[in-house]
Amino acid sequence: MSKKILLIVNPTAGKRKATDYLPQIVGKLEKAGFETETRYTEIDKNATAITLEYGKGNDIIVCVGGDGTLKETICGVMELKLDCKIGYIPTGTTNDFAHSFNIPTDALKAIDTVIDGKELKVDIGDFNGIDRFVYVSCFGNFCDVSYKAQQSLKNKIGRGAYYWETVKELHKIKGFKATVECDDGEVFEGKFFYGGVSNSYSVAGFPVLKKAGVEFDDGYHELALIKMPQSPAELYGILKDMFVTRNVLENESIVVKKGKNFKFCFDSEVDWTLDGEKGGKHKFVEIDTKENAVTILVGC
């Protein structure tokens, strides 16, 4: 009996549309013995809604799109409590999740991880009990460039659209006053340039936490806090260690800490981003780790 695959396709993700690859994707999967069904995301029907409607009875649910579409797919799988595997064929702009999990960003090569990739139980973040994130939730400067950048520009120049949006936002840099409590009782308080909780090597396409001991199935997330720089030279040093030397653990302005639960308290509501998508405004945020919440097919 052939195994069933539900393909959830975001037709607008990335520089090349997922639909360009779809005949080859379906053909390769069916040649490997899978029975496939394809559903497309729409303005009023995202990947979560499709998973809830069509997900039951499938052995594998495959997301063909960007990190945001993957997050929506995983939310649906968790809500239904499905015992199925999740595949990812990345056709987005940055594909941070794919970079961390050794999934090729060439869509046609990524099919192989669905056919014969290894299974990995992955920790998922719970955001205030109302939402989920796969690899990062964050606040602060430049967190919103992924959804502020126009989709048409992302389709034309890819990751460069994010860099362009960042340059436009440089004059708006500000500090965010926050108190952050960790599950071991340690508290960080001050003005932060950036704050986030993640389960990823890569953020915005850069393996920022590659050296921070990230393990995707250890039941922990990584807290990262960047103190508000007091001078252009200090800001330059922070950005250099984040994106060039990647020695974030050696920079005194950057805090990285493992934990299962983190609580954030702000003086006023602050915008949050979840996996590159809008996460809403919040004055209080609590993030919990859902250990080994889903099974994802990753590169060997």
C-alpha atoms as a PDB file:
ATOM      1  CA  MET A   1       0.000   0.000   0.000  1.00  0.00           C
ATOM      2  CA  SER A   2       1.467   3.365  -1.052  1.00  0.00           C
ATOM      3  CA  LYS A   3       2.074   6.095   1.491  1.00  0.00           C
ATOM      4  CA  LYS A   4       0.009   9.271   1.265  1.00  0.00           C
ATOM      5  CA  ILE A   5       1.513  12.742   1.035  1.00  0.00           C
ATOM      6  CA  LEU A   6      -0.333  16.043   1.330  1.00  0.00           C
ATOM      7  CA  LEU A   7       1.521  18.821  -0.486  1.00  0.00           C
ATOM      8  CA  ILE A   8       0.713  22.291   0.851  1.00  0.00           C
ATOM      9  CA  VAL A   9       1.955  24.814  -1.698  1.00  0.00           C
ATOM     10  CA  ASN A  10       2.431  28.568  -1.243  1.00  0.00           C
ATOM     11  CA  PRO A  11       2.335  29.773  -4.863  1.00  0.00           C
ATOM     12  CA  THR A  12       3.812  33.224  -4.104  1.00  0.00           C
ATOM     13  CA  ALA A  13       6.839  32.359  -1.935  1.00  0.00           C
ATOM     14  CA  GLY A  14      10.349  33.308  -3.045  1.00  0.00           C
ATOM     15  CA  LYS A  15      12.056  34.464  -6.224  1.00  0.00           C
ATOM     16  CA  ARG A  16      10.783  31.477  -8.204  1.00  0.00           C
ATOM     17  CA  LYS A  17       7.243  30.380  -7.611  1.00  0.00           C
ATOM     18  CA  ALA A  18       6.674  26.967  -6.075  1.00  0.00           C
ATOM     19  CA  THR A  19       4.358  26.179  -8.976  1.00  0.00           C
ATOM     20  CA  ASP A  20       7.392  26.236 -11.314  1.00  0.00           C
ATOM     21  CA  TYR A  21       8.699  23.136  -9.579  1.00  0.00           C
ATOM     22  CA  LEU A  22       5.448  21.375  -8.827  1.00  0.00           C
ATOM     23  CA  PRO A  23       5.234  18.977 -11.819  1.00  0.00           C
ATOM     24  CA  GLN A  24       8.768  17.724 -11.097  1.00  0.00           C
ATOM     25  CA  ILE A  25       8.092  17.489  -7.353  1.00  0.00           C
ATOM     26  CA  VAL A  26       4.924  15.456  -7.839  1.00  0.00           C
ATOM     27  CA  GLY A  27       6.533  13.309 -10.514  1.00  0.00           C
ATOM     28  CA  LYS A  28       9.524  12.434  -8.352  1.00  0.00           C
ATOM     29  CA  LEU A  29       7.361  11.632  -5.320  1.00  0.00           C
ATOM     30  CA  GLU A  30       4.979   9.430  -7.296  1.00  0.00           C
ATOM     31  CA  LYS A  31       7.926   7.647  -8.927  1.00  0.00           C
ATOM     32  CA  ALA A  32       9.151   6.895  -5.394  1.00  0.00           C
ATOM     33  CA  GLY A  33       5.812   5.239  -4.642  1.00  0.00           C
ATOM     34  CA  PHE A  34       3.886   8.023  -2.882  1.00  0.00           C
ATOM     35  CA  GLU A  35       0.266   8.946  -3.476  1.00  0.00           C
ATOM     36  CA  THR A  36       0.073  12.757  -3.542  1.00  0.00           C
ATOM     37  CA  GLU A  37      -2.637  15.347  -3.035  1.00  0.00           C
ATOM     38  CA  THR A  38      -1.891  19.045  -3.651  1.00  0.00           C
ATOM     39  CA  ARG A  39      -3.541  22.024  -1.994  1.00  0.00           C
ATOM     40  CA  TYR A  40      -2.651  25.696  -2.463  1.00  0.00           C
ATOM     41  CA  THR A  41      -2.615  28.462   0.126  1.00  0.00           C
ATOM     42  CA  GLU A  42      -4.813  31.458  -0.617  1.00  0.00           C
ATOM     43  CA  ILE A  43      -5.316  34.896   0.898  1.00  0.00           C
ATOM     44  CA  ASP A  44      -8.132  33.591   3.097  1.00  0.00           C
ATOM     45  CA  LYS A  45      -6.812  30.037   3.592  1.00  0.00           C
ATOM     46  CA  ASN A  46      -3.314  29.572   4.978  1.00  0.00           C
ATOM     47  CA  ALA A  47      -1.382  26.358   5.546  1.00  0.00           C
ATOM     48  CA  THR A  48      -2.846  25.870   9.035  1.00  0.00           C
ATOM     49  CA  ALA A  49      -6.394  25.865   7.668  1.00  0.00           C
ATOM     50  CA  ILE A  50      -5.424  23.454   4.877  1.00  0.00           C
ATOM     51  CA  THR A  51      -3.753  21.091   7.356  1.00  0.00           C
ATOM     52  CA  LEU A  52      -6.810  21.114   9.608  1.00  0.00           C
ATOM     53  CA  GLU A  53      -9.093  20.332   6.658  1.00  0.00           C
ATOM     54  CA  TYR A  54      -7.020  17.808   4.726  1.00  0.00           C
ATOM     55  CA  GLY A  55      -4.234  16.637   7.062  1.00  0.00           C
ATOM     56  CA  LYS A  56      -5.791  13.548   8.631  1.00  0.00           C
ATOM     57  CA  GLY A  57      -4.906  10.228   7.061  1.00  0.00           C
ATOM     58  CA  ASN A  58      -1.601  11.326   5.552  1.00  0.00           C
ATOM     59  CA  ASP A  59       1.746   9.725   6.324  1.00  0.00           C
ATOM     60  CA  ILE A  60       3.667  12.889   5.439  1.00  0.00           C
ATOM     61  CA  ILE A  61       2.583  16.511   5.094  1.00  0.00           C
ATOM     62  CA  VAL A  62       4.973  18.480   2.904  1.00  0.00           C
ATOM     63  CA  CYS A  63       5.210  22.260   2.973  1.00  0.00           C
ATOM     64  CA  VAL A  64       6.320  23.835  -0.331  1.00  0.00           C
ATOM     65  CA  GLY A  65       6.985  27.483   0.466  1.00  0.00           C
ATOM     66  CA  GLY A  66       8.862  29.671   2.922  1.00  0.00           C
ATOM     67  CA  ASP A  67       9.486  29.545   6.668  1.00  0.00           C
ATOM     68  CA  GLY A  68       6.152  31.235   7.405  1.00  0.00           C
ATOM     69  CA  THR A  69       4.254  28.564   5.470  1.00  0.00           C
ATOM     70  CA  LEU A  70       6.187  25.862   7.311  1.00  0.00           C
ATOM     71  CA  LYS A  71       5.234  27.420  10.646  1.00  0.00           C
ATOM     72  CA  GLU A  72       1.555  27.431   9.658  1.00  0.00           C
ATOM     73  CA  THR A  73       1.760  23.778   8.601  1.00  0.00           C
ATOM     74  CA  ILE A  74       3.336  22.752  11.908  1.00  0.00           C
ATOM     75  CA  CYS A  75       0.675  24.699  13.840  1.00  0.00           C
ATOM     76  CA  GLY A  76      -1.992  22.646  12.070  1.00  0.00           C
ATOM     77  CA  VAL A  77      -0.221  19.345  12.737  1.00  0.00           C
ATOM     78  CA  MET A  78       0.118  20.188  16.441  1.00  0.00           C
ATOM     79  CA  GLU A  79      -3.499  21.314  16.748  1.00  0.00           C
ATOM     80  CA  LEU A  80      -4.741  18.042  15.245  1.00  0.00           C
ATOM     81  CA  LYS A  81      -2.160  16.059  17.253  1.00  0.00           C
ATOM     82  CA  LEU A  82      -1.275  14.159  14.097  1.00  0.00           C
ATOM     83  CA  ASP A  83       1.243  11.348  14.239  1.00  0.00           C
ATOM     84  CA  CYS A  84       2.713  12.105  10.833  1.00  0.00           C
ATOM     85  CA  LYS A  85       6.032  13.338   9.491  1.00  0.00           C
ATOM     86  CA  ILE A  86       6.570  16.827   8.087  1.00  0.00           C
ATOM     87  CA  GLY A  87       8.591  17.485   4.962  1.00  0.00           C
ATOM     88  CA  TYR A  88       9.890  20.852   3.781  1.00  0.00           C
ATOM     89  CA  ILE A  89      10.688  21.929   0.243  1.00  0.00           C
ATOM     90  CA  PRO A  90      11.914  25.516   0.709  1.00  0.00           C
ATOM     91  CA  THR A  91      11.009  28.064  -1.956  1.00  0.00           C
ATOM     92  CA  GLY A  92      11.054  31.146   0.289  1.00  0.00           C
ATOM     93  CA  THR A  93      13.467  34.077   0.458  1.00  0.00           C
ATOM     94  CA  THR A  94      15.789  33.270   3.383  1.00  0.00           C
ATOM     95  CA  ASN A  95      14.798  29.704   4.357  1.00  0.00           C
ATOM     96  CA  ASP A  96      16.438  29.888   7.806  1.00  0.00           C
ATOM     97  CA  PHE A  97      14.921  26.594   8.863  1.00  0.00           C
ATOM     98  CA  ALA A  98      16.343  24.801   5.840  1.00  0.00           C
ATOM     99  CA  HIS A  99      19.836  26.171   6.490  1.00  0.00           C
ATOM    100  CA  SER A 100      19.768  24.882  10.060  1.00  0.00           C
ATOM    101  CA  PHE A 101      18.449  21.432   9.168  1.00  0.00           C
ATOM    102  CA  ASN A 102      20.640  20.616   6.188  1.00  0.00           C
ATOM    103  CA  ILE A 103      17.710  20.767   3.785  1.00  0.00           C
ATOM    104  CA  PRO A 104      18.850  21.886   0.306  1.00  0.00           C
ATOM    105  CA  THR A 105      17.456  25.251  -0.783  1.00  0.00           C
ATOM    106  CA  ASP A 106      17.308  23.853  -4.303  1.00  0.00           C
ATOM    107  CA  ALA A 107      13.702  22.657  -4.327  1.00  0.00           C
ATOM    108  CA  LEU A 108      14.378  19.738  -6.639  1.00  0.00           C
ATOM    109  CA  LYS A 109      17.170  18.444  -4.385  1.00  0.00           C
ATOM    110  CA  ALA A 110      15.067  19.005  -1.263  1.00  0.00           C
ATOM    111  CA  ILE A 111      12.621  16.366  -2.496  1.00  0.00           C
ATOM    112  CA  ASP A 112      15.219  13.745  -1.521  1.00  0.00           C
ATOM    113  CA  THR A 113      14.838  14.681   2.169  1.00  0.00           C
ATOM    114  CA  VAL A 114      11.135  13.845   1.869  1.00  0.00           C
ATOM    115  CA  ILE A 115      11.829  10.521   0.153  1.00  0.00           C
ATOM    116  CA  ASP A 116      14.771   9.267   2.230  1.00  0.00           C
ATOM    117  CA  GLY A 117      15.693  11.949   4.783  1.00  0.00           C
ATOM    118  CA  LYS A 118      16.173  11.140   8.442  1.00  0.00           C
ATOM    119  CA  GLU A 119      13.474  11.721  11.036  1.00  0.00           C
ATOM    120  CA  LEU A 120      14.183  14.323  13.719  1.00  0.00           C
ATOM    121  CA  LYS A 121      11.985  15.180  16.690  1.00  0.00           C
ATOM    122  CA  VAL A 122      12.037  18.972  16.939  1.00  0.00           C
ATOM    123  CA  ASP A 123      11.266  21.299  19.851  1.00  0.00           C
ATOM    124  CA  ILE A 124       8.644  23.941  19.064  1.00  0.00           C
ATOM    125  CA  GLY A 125       8.066  27.241  20.865  1.00  0.00           C
ATOM    126  CA  ASP A 126       4.741  28.086  22.498  1.00  0.00           C
ATOM    127  CA  PHE A 127       4.027  31.830  22.425  1.00  0.00           C
ATOM    128  CA  ASN A 128       1.699  33.072  25.184  1.00  0.00           C
ATOM    129  CA  GLY A 129      -0.364  29.911  24.788  1.00  0.00           C
ATOM    130  CA  ILE A 130      -1.974  31.370  21.651  1.00  0.00           C
ATOM    131  CA  ASP A 131       0.574  30.757  18.898  1.00  0.00           C
ATOM    132  CA  ARG A 132       3.614  28.687  17.934  1.00  0.00           C
ATOM    133  CA  PHE A 133       6.981  29.337  16.352  1.00  0.00           C
ATOM    134  CA  VAL A 134       9.354  26.898  14.704  1.00  0.00           C
ATOM    135  CA  TYR A 135      12.710  28.642  14.862  1.00  0.00           C
ATOM    136  CA  VAL A 136      12.498  32.190  16.239  1.00  0.00           C
ATOM    137  CA  SER A 137      10.310  34.685  18.078  1.00  0.00           C
ATOM    138  CA  CYS A 138      11.779  38.147  18.517  1.00  0.00           C
ATOM    139  CA  PHE A 139      11.329  41.859  19.160  1.00  0.00           C
ATOM    140  CA  GLY A 140      13.491  44.874  18.509  1.00  0.00           C
ATOM    141  CA  ASN A 141      15.206  46.602  15.625  1.00  0.00           C
ATOM    142  CA  PHE A 142      14.912  45.082  12.140  1.00  0.00           C
ATOM    143  CA  CYS A 143      12.755  42.140  13.299  1.00  0.00           C
ATOM    144  CA  ASP A 144       9.953  43.286  11.025  1.00  0.00           C
ATOM    145  CA  VAL A 145      11.945  43.682   7.809  1.00  0.00           C
ATOM    146  CA  SER A 146      10.854  40.248   6.588  1.00  0.00           C
ATOM    147  CA  TYR A 147       7.204  41.258   6.332  1.00  0.00           C
ATOM    148  CA  LYS A 148       7.791  44.968   5.630  1.00  0.00           C
ATOM    149  CA  ALA A 149       9.770  44.137   2.500  1.00  0.00           C
ATOM    150  CA  GLN A 150       7.459  44.076  -0.499  1.00  0.00           C
ATOM    151  CA  GLN A 151       6.742  40.591  -1.834  1.00  0.00           C
ATOM    152  CA  SER A 152       7.388  41.772  -5.394  1.00  0.00           C
ATOM    153  CA  LEU A 153      10.860  42.998  -4.386  1.00  0.00           C
ATOM    154  CA  LYS A 154      11.593  39.729  -2.527  1.00  0.00           C
ATOM    155  CA  ASN A 155      10.593  37.802  -5.626  1.00  0.00           C
ATOM    156  CA  LYS A 156      12.999  39.861  -7.748  1.00  0.00           C
ATOM    157  CA  ILE A 157      16.113  40.164  -5.585  1.00  0.00           C
ATOM    158  CA  GLY A 158      15.568  37.602  -2.818  1.00  0.00           C
ATOM    159  CA  ARG A 159      17.367  38.236   0.481  1.00  0.00           C
ATOM    160  CA  GLY A 160      18.581  41.607  -0.841  1.00  0.00           C
ATOM    161  CA  ALA A 161      15.071  42.959  -0.217  1.00  0.00           C
ATOM    162  CA  TYR A 162      15.634  42.448   3.523  1.00  0.00           C
ATOM    163  CA  TYR A 163      18.986  44.252   3.430  1.00  0.00           C
ATOM    164  CA  TRP A 164      17.394  47.142   1.553  1.00  0.00           C
ATOM    165  CA  GLU A 165      14.619  47.378   4.141  1.00  0.00           C
ATOM    166  CA  THR A 166      17.229  47.297   6.930  1.00  0.00           C
ATOM    167  CA  VAL A 167      19.140  50.231   5.421  1.00  0.00           C
ATOM    168  CA  LYS A 168      15.892  52.203   5.227  1.00  0.00           C
ATOM    169  CA  GLU A 169      15.262  51.540   8.953  1.00  0.00           C
ATOM    170  CA  LEU A 170      18.732  52.455  10.269  1.00  0.00           C
ATOM    171  CA  HIS A 171      17.714  55.952  11.333  1.00  0.00           C
ATOM    172  CA  LYS A 172      14.902  54.504  13.480  1.00  0.00           C
ATOM    173  CA  ILE A 173      17.113  52.449  15.825  1.00  0.00           C
ATOM    174  CA  LYS A 174      15.868  52.559  19.426  1.00  0.00           C
ATOM    175  CA  GLY A 175      16.104  50.664  22.682  1.00  0.00           C
ATOM    176  CA  PHE A 176      13.325  48.544  24.166  1.00  0.00           C
ATOM    177  CA  LYS A 177      13.099  48.568  27.949  1.00  0.00           C
ATOM    178  CA  ALA A 178      12.360  45.070  29.215  1.00  0.00           C
ATOM    179  CA  THR A 179      12.654  42.681  32.132  1.00  0.00           C
ATOM    180  CA  VAL A 180      13.397  39.100  31.121  1.00  0.00           C
ATOM    181  CA  GLU A 181      13.027  36.256  33.621  1.00  0.00           C
ATOM    182  CA  CYS A 182      14.525  32.830  32.913  1.00  0.00           C
ATOM    183  CA  ASP A 183      13.304  29.516  34.295  1.00  0.00           C
ATOM    184  CA  ASP A 184      16.319  29.217  36.609  1.00  0.00           C
ATOM    185  CA  GLY A 185      15.454  32.535  38.275  1.00  0.00           C
ATOM    186  CA  GLU A 186      18.072  34.674  36.521  1.00  0.00           C
ATOM    187  CA  VAL A 187      16.717  38.082  35.484  1.00  0.00           C
ATOM    188  CA  PHE A 188      17.988  40.473  32.811  1.00  0.00           C
ATOM    189  CA  GLU A 189      16.784  44.056  32.889  1.00  0.00           C
ATOM    190  CA  GLY A 190      17.610  47.043  30.720  1.00  0.00           C
ATOM    191  CA  LYS A 191      17.260  48.553  27.267  1.00  0.00           C
ATOM    192  CA  PHE A 192      17.727  46.079  24.470  1.00  0.00           C
ATOM    193  CA  PHE A 193      18.481  46.570  20.796  1.00  0.00           C
ATOM    194  CA  TYR A 194      17.083  43.094  20.112  1.00  0.00           C
ATOM    195  CA  GLY A 195      15.607  40.205  22.040  1.00  0.00           C
ATOM    196  CA  GLY A 196      14.568  36.763  20.903  1.00  0.00           C
ATOM    197  CA  VAL A 197      14.072  33.110  21.698  1.00  0.00           C
ATOM    198  CA  SER A 198      15.088  30.629  19.014  1.00  0.00           C
ATOM    199  CA  ASN A 199      15.837  27.041  18.095  1.00  0.00           C
ATOM    200  CA  SER A 200      18.000  27.689  15.054  1.00  0.00           C
ATOM    201  CA  TYR A 201      21.539  28.255  13.845  1.00  0.00           C
ATOM    202  CA  SER A 202      20.373  30.769  11.294  1.00  0.00           C
ATOM    203  CA  VAL A 203      18.543  34.093  11.588  1.00  0.00           C
ATOM    204  CA  ALA A 204      17.892  36.210   8.474  1.00  0.00           C
ATOM    205  CA  GLY A 205      20.042  33.799   6.505  1.00  0.00           C
ATOM    206  CA  PHE A 206      23.098  34.114   8.768  1.00  0.00           C
ATOM    207  CA  PRO A 207      24.227  31.276  11.088  1.00  0.00           C
ATOM    208  CA  VAL A 208      24.409  33.661  14.062  1.00  0.00           C
ATOM    209  CA  LEU A 209      24.081  30.979  16.758  1.00  0.00           C
ATOM    210  CA  LYS A 210      26.077  28.259  15.009  1.00  0.00           C
ATOM    211  CA  LYS A 211      28.623  28.290  17.866  1.00  0.00           C
ATOM    212  CA  ALA A 212      26.093  28.571  20.707  1.00  0.00           C
ATOM    213  CA  GLY A 213      25.485  24.857  21.258  1.00  0.00           C
ATOM    214  CA  VAL A 214      22.069  24.765  19.622  1.00  0.00           C
ATOM    215  CA  GLU A 215      20.415  21.341  19.675  1.00  0.00           C
ATOM    216  CA  PHE A 216      17.012  21.068  18.008  1.00  0.00           C
ATOM    217  CA  ASP A 217      15.723  18.184  20.133  1.00  0.00           C
ATOM    218  CA  ASP A 218      17.197  18.876  23.574  1.00  0.00           C
ATOM    219  CA  GLY A 219      14.064  20.409  25.110  1.00  0.00           C
ATOM    220  CA  TYR A 220      15.633  23.876  25.288  1.00  0.00           C
ATOM    221  CA  HIS A 221      15.469  27.149  23.408  1.00  0.00           C
ATOM    222  CA  GLU A 222      18.174  29.819  23.228  1.00  0.00           C
ATOM    223  CA  LEU A 223      17.514  33.291  24.603  1.00  0.00           C
ATOM    224  CA  ALA A 224      19.470  36.051  22.834  1.00  0.00           C
ATOM    225  CA  LEU A 225      19.508  39.624  24.143  1.00  0.00           C
ATOM    226  CA  ILE A 226      21.504  42.469  22.622  1.00  0.00           C
ATOM    227  CA  LYS A 227      22.011  45.478  24.868  1.00  0.00           C
ATOM    228  CA  MET A 228      21.299  48.856  23.327  1.00  0.00           C
ATOM    229  CA  PRO A 229      24.639  50.176  21.961  1.00  0.00           C
ATOM    230  CA  GLN A 230      25.844  53.484  23.338  1.00  0.00           C
ATOM    231  CA  SER A 231      27.855  54.529  20.291  1.00  0.00           C
ATOM    232  CA  PRO A 232      28.153  53.811  16.545  1.00  0.00           C
ATOM    233  CA  ALA A 233      31.411  51.964  17.280  1.00  0.00           C
ATOM    234  CA  GLU A 234      29.651  49.665  19.750  1.00  0.00           C
ATOM    235  CA  LEU A 235      26.864  48.999  17.231  1.00  0.00           C
ATOM    236  CA  TYR A 236      29.475  48.186  14.601  1.00  0.00           C
ATOM    237  CA  GLY A 237      31.146  45.734  16.993  1.00  0.00           C
ATOM    238  CA  ILE A 238      27.848  43.992  17.692  1.00  0.00           C
ATOM    239  CA  LEU A 239      26.950  43.663  14.011  1.00  0.00           C
ATOM    240  CA  LYS A 240      30.469  42.490  13.177  1.00  0.00           C
ATOM    241  CA  ASP A 241      30.345  39.703  15.780  1.00  0.00           C
ATOM    242  CA  MET A 242      26.857  38.698  14.690  1.00  0.00           C
ATOM    243  CA  PHE A 243      27.346  38.573  10.947  1.00  0.00           C
ATOM    244  CA  VAL A 244      31.082  38.464  10.222  1.00  0.00           C
ATOM    245  CA  THR A 245      33.098  36.779  13.017  1.00  0.00           C
ATOM    246  CA  ARG A 246      29.956  35.135  14.511  1.00  0.00           C
ATOM    247  CA  ASN A 247      31.601  35.232  17.927  1.00  0.00           C
ATOM    248  CA  VAL A 248      28.443  36.332  19.702  1.00  0.00           C
ATOM    249  CA  LEU A 249      29.411  34.472  22.876  1.00  0.00           C
ATOM    250  CA  GLU A 250      32.481  36.680  23.261  1.00  0.00           C
ATOM    251  CA  ASN A 251      30.680  40.024  22.937  1.00  0.00           C
ATOM    252  CA  GLU A 252      29.802  41.604  26.293  1.00  0.00           C
ATOM    253  CA  SER A 253      26.771  43.327  24.771  1.00  0.00           C
ATOM    254  CA  ILE A 254      25.186  40.028  23.757  1.00  0.00           C
ATOM    255  CA  VAL A 255      23.565  37.556  26.164  1.00  0.00           C
ATOM    256  CA  VAL A 256      22.890  33.970  25.032  1.00  0.00           C
ATOM    257  CA  LYS A 257      21.276  31.529  27.467  1.00  0.00           C
ATOM    258  CA  LYS A 258      19.534  28.160  27.263  1.00  0.00           C
ATOM    259  CA  GLY A 259      16.181  27.611  28.929  1.00  0.00           C
ATOM    260  CA  LYS A 260      12.767  25.986  28.754  1.00  0.00           C
ATOM    261  CA  ASN A 261      10.716  29.025  29.784  1.00  0.00           C
ATOM    262  CA  PHE A 262      11.231  32.776  29.409  1.00  0.00           C
ATOM    263  CA  LYS A 263       9.039  35.669  30.539  1.00  0.00           C
ATOM    264  CA  PHE A 264       9.252  39.183  29.051  1.00  0.00           C
ATOM    265  CA  CYS A 265       7.699  42.278  30.594  1.00  0.00           C
ATOM    266  CA  PHE A 266       7.667  45.694  28.881  1.00  0.00           C
ATOM    267  CA  ASP A 267       6.536  49.186  29.863  1.00  0.00           C
ATOM    268  CA  SER A 268       4.271  49.327  26.830  1.00  0.00           C
ATOM    269  CA  GLU A 269       3.153  47.025  24.023  1.00  0.00           C
ATOM    270  CA  VAL A 270       5.951  45.866  21.736  1.00  0.00           C
ATOM    271  CA  ASP A 271       5.777  44.302  18.268  1.00  0.00           C
ATOM    272  CA  TRP A 272       6.867  40.666  18.033  1.00  0.00           C
ATOM    273  CA  THR A 273       7.802  38.603  14.996  1.00  0.00           C
ATOM    274  CA  LEU A 274       7.263  34.829  14.786  1.00  0.00           C
ATOM    275  CA  ASP A 275       9.206  32.983  12.082  1.00  0.00           C
ATOM    276  CA  GLY A 276       9.335  36.121   9.946  1.00  0.00           C
ATOM    277  CA  GLU A 277       5.612  36.882  10.278  1.00  0.00           C
ATOM    278  CA  LYS A 278       3.689  39.385  12.415  1.00  0.00           C
ATOM    279  CA  GLY A 279       3.230  38.139  15.977  1.00  0.00           C
ATOM    280  CA  GLY A 280       1.203  41.048  17.330  1.00  0.00           C
ATOM    281  CA  LYS A 281       1.830  43.689  19.997  1.00  0.00           C
ATOM    282  CA  HIS A 282       2.393  42.481  23.561  1.00  0.00           C
ATOM    283  CA  LYS A 283       3.255  43.994  26.940  1.00  0.00           C
ATOM    284  CA  PHE A 284       3.837  40.576  28.502  1.00  0.00           C
ATOM    285  CA  VAL A 285       5.133  37.481  26.736  1.00  0.00           C
ATOM    286  CA  GLU A 286       5.751  33.981  28.042  1.00  0.00           C
ATOM    287  CA  ILE A 287       7.535  31.431  25.901  1.00  0.00           C
ATOM    288  CA  ASP A 288       7.523  27.704  26.686  1.00  0.00           C
ATOM    289  CA  THR A 289       9.362  24.856  25.003  1.00  0.00           C
ATOM    290  CA  LYS A 290       7.238  22.025  23.637  1.00  0.00           C
ATOM    291  CA  GLU A 291       9.817  19.254  23.655  1.00  0.00           C
ATOM    292  CA  ASN A 292      10.010  16.972  20.589  1.00  0.00           C
ATOM    293  CA  ALA A 293       6.632  18.300  19.468  1.00  0.00           C
ATOM    294  CA  VAL A 294       6.818  17.297  15.794  1.00  0.00           C
ATOM    295  CA  THR A 295       8.795  14.948  13.544  1.00  0.00           C
ATOM    296  CA  ILE A 296      10.508  16.629  10.607  1.00  0.00           C
ATOM    297  CA  LEU A 297      12.342  14.994   7.709  1.00  0.00           C
ATOM    298  CA  VAL A 298      15.788  16.593   7.435  1.00  0.00           C
ATOM    299  CA  GLY A 299      18.963  16.155   5.436  1.00  0.00           C
ATOM    300  CA  CYS A 300      21.266  13.280   6.340  1.00  0.00           C
END
